[in-house]
Amino acid sequence: CLSPVGLSSITKLSPQRLVSQMMGTWFLGAALGNLIAGLVAGYVEALPQNALYGTVALTVIGFGFLFLVLSKPIRNLASGVK
């Protein structure tokens, strides 16, 4: 599960006075993710398989590139946290 790891990271990385607000933001993000997943699932049913797999592949490649670009700045922001 991702939730325990995410909540632990929020507790460690957030300023003390903002921890509860950041946890609320985490749960809001999870709720929005579930909403988007439901909308995408409804949209995917109407797609032919080649368009579906192409869309999934491009989305995964795009997010992989985004995470690759953002990994160093995030690592710098989290330096010193154990």
C-alpha atoms as a PDB file:
ATOM      1  CA  CYS A   1       0.000   0.000   0.000  1.00  0.00           C
ATOM      2  CA  LEU A   2       1.127   3.506  -0.736  1.00  0.00           C
ATOM      3  CA  SER A   3      -0.797   5.277   2.021  1.00  0.00           C
ATOM      4  CA  PRO A   4       1.410   4.381   5.032  1.00  0.00           C
ATOM      5  CA  VAL A   5       4.565   5.360   3.152  1.00  0.00           C
ATOM      6  CA  GLY A   6       3.019   8.611   1.941  1.00  0.00           C
ATOM      7  CA  LEU A   7       1.699   9.579   5.363  1.00  0.00           C
ATOM      8  CA  SER A   8       5.074   8.796   6.945  1.00  0.00           C
ATOM      9  CA  SER A   9       6.835  10.939   4.344  1.00  0.00           C
ATOM     10  CA  ILE A  10       4.397  13.781   4.935  1.00  0.00           C
ATOM     11  CA  THR A  11       5.053  13.615   8.674  1.00  0.00           C
ATOM     12  CA  LYS A  12       8.822  13.714   8.134  1.00  0.00           C
ATOM     13  CA  LEU A  13       8.988  16.296   5.346  1.00  0.00           C
ATOM     14  CA  SER A  14       6.305  18.825   6.337  1.00  0.00           C
ATOM     15  CA  PRO A  15       6.917  21.729   8.692  1.00  0.00           C
ATOM     16  CA  GLN A  16       5.524  20.879  12.138  1.00  0.00           C
ATOM     17  CA  ARG A  17       2.729  23.450  11.974  1.00  0.00           C
ATOM     18  CA  LEU A  18       1.479  22.164   8.580  1.00  0.00           C
ATOM     19  CA  VAL A  19       1.527  18.382   9.084  1.00  0.00           C
ATOM     20  CA  SER A  20      -2.238  17.984   9.535  1.00  0.00           C
ATOM     21  CA  GLN A  21      -2.986  20.227   6.556  1.00  0.00           C
ATOM     22  CA  MET A  22      -0.574  18.255   4.377  1.00  0.00           C
ATOM     23  CA  MET A  23      -2.196  14.976   5.464  1.00  0.00           C
ATOM     24  CA  GLY A  24      -5.570  16.412   4.487  1.00  0.00           C
ATOM     25  CA  THR A  25      -4.077  17.340   1.125  1.00  0.00           C
ATOM     26  CA  TRP A  26      -2.817  13.751   0.774  1.00  0.00           C
ATOM     27  CA  PHE A  27      -6.325  12.369   1.325  1.00  0.00           C
ATOM     28  CA  LEU A  28      -7.824  14.966  -1.027  1.00  0.00           C
ATOM     29  CA  GLY A  29      -5.329  13.872  -3.683  1.00  0.00           C
ATOM     30  CA  ALA A  30      -6.311  10.237  -3.134  1.00  0.00           C
ATOM     31  CA  ALA A  31      -9.986  11.138  -3.523  1.00  0.00           C
ATOM     32  CA  LEU A  32      -9.324  13.055  -6.743  1.00  0.00           C
ATOM     33  CA  GLY A  33      -7.226  10.160  -8.033  1.00  0.00           C
ATOM     34  CA  ASN A  34     -10.111   7.772  -7.424  1.00  0.00           C
ATOM     35  CA  LEU A  35     -12.504  10.134  -9.208  1.00  0.00           C
ATOM     36  CA  ILE A  36     -10.192  10.420 -12.211  1.00  0.00           C
ATOM     37  CA  ALA A  37      -9.732   6.633 -12.272  1.00  0.00           C
ATOM     38  CA  GLY A  38     -13.498   6.173 -12.431  1.00  0.00           C
ATOM     39  CA  LEU A  39     -13.858   8.704 -15.235  1.00  0.00           C
ATOM     40  CA  VAL A  40     -11.022   7.135 -17.208  1.00  0.00           C
ATOM     41  CA  ALA A  41     -12.526   3.661 -16.741  1.00  0.00           C
ATOM     42  CA  GLY A  42     -15.788   4.877 -18.257  1.00  0.00           C
ATOM     43  CA  TYR A  43     -13.943   6.483 -21.162  1.00  0.00           C
ATOM     44  CA  VAL A  44     -11.746   3.452 -21.829  1.00  0.00           C
ATOM     45  CA  GLU A  45     -14.672   1.119 -22.498  1.00  0.00           C
ATOM     46  CA  ALA A  46     -15.455   2.920 -25.757  1.00  0.00           C
ATOM     47  CA  LEU A  47     -11.875   2.894 -27.109  1.00  0.00           C
ATOM     48  CA  PRO A  48     -10.590   0.271 -29.517  1.00  0.00           C
ATOM     49  CA  GLN A  49      -7.717  -1.782 -28.095  1.00  0.00           C
ATOM     50  CA  ASN A  50      -4.959  -0.249 -30.227  1.00  0.00           C
ATOM     51  CA  ALA A  51      -5.954   3.275 -29.172  1.00  0.00           C
ATOM     52  CA  LEU A  52      -6.234   2.163 -25.549  1.00  0.00           C
ATOM     53  CA  TYR A  53      -2.765   0.603 -25.420  1.00  0.00           C
ATOM     54  CA  GLY A  54      -1.239   3.522 -27.301  1.00  0.00           C
ATOM     55  CA  THR A  55      -2.779   6.004 -24.870  1.00  0.00           C
ATOM     56  CA  VAL A  56      -1.607   4.000 -21.857  1.00  0.00           C
ATOM     57  CA  ALA A  57       1.915   3.717 -23.282  1.00  0.00           C
ATOM     58  CA  LEU A  58       2.197   7.441 -24.013  1.00  0.00           C
ATOM     59  CA  THR A  59       0.829   8.339 -20.582  1.00  0.00           C
ATOM     60  CA  VAL A  60       3.293   6.046 -18.797  1.00  0.00           C
ATOM     61  CA  ILE A  61       6.228   7.346 -20.851  1.00  0.00           C
ATOM     62  CA  GLY A  62       5.182  10.950 -20.208  1.00  0.00           C
ATOM     63  CA  PHE A  63       4.863  10.509 -16.454  1.00  0.00           C
ATOM     64  CA  GLY A  64       8.108   8.519 -16.355  1.00  0.00           C
ATOM     65  CA  PHE A  65       9.913  11.404 -18.040  1.00  0.00           C
ATOM     66  CA  LEU A  66       8.275  13.909 -15.685  1.00  0.00           C
ATOM     67  CA  PHE A  67       9.345  11.905 -12.620  1.00  0.00           C
ATOM     68  CA  LEU A  68      12.859  11.571 -14.023  1.00  0.00           C
ATOM     69  CA  VAL A  69      13.118  15.346 -14.457  1.00  0.00           C
ATOM     70  CA  LEU A  70      11.672  16.073 -10.991  1.00  0.00           C
ATOM     71  CA  SER A  71      13.610  13.415  -9.059  1.00  0.00           C
ATOM     72  CA  LYS A  72      16.751  15.504  -8.476  1.00  0.00           C
ATOM     73  CA  PRO A  73      14.943  18.649  -7.209  1.00  0.00           C
ATOM     74  CA  ILE A  74      12.779  16.519  -4.920  1.00  0.00           C
ATOM     75  CA  ARG A  75      15.835  14.673  -3.631  1.00  0.00           C
ATOM     76  CA  ASN A  76      17.506  18.018  -2.881  1.00  0.00           C
ATOM     77  CA  LEU A  77      14.440  19.243  -0.980  1.00  0.00           C
ATOM     78  CA  ALA A  78      14.349  16.044   1.079  1.00  0.00           C
ATOM     79  CA  SER A  79      18.058  15.966   1.911  1.00  0.00           C
ATOM     80  CA  GLY A  80      18.808  15.279   5.549  1.00  0.00           C
ATOM     81  CA  VAL A  81      15.487  13.556   6.231  1.00  0.00           C
ATOM     82  CA  LYS A  82      15.731   9.979   7.495  1.00  0.00           C
END
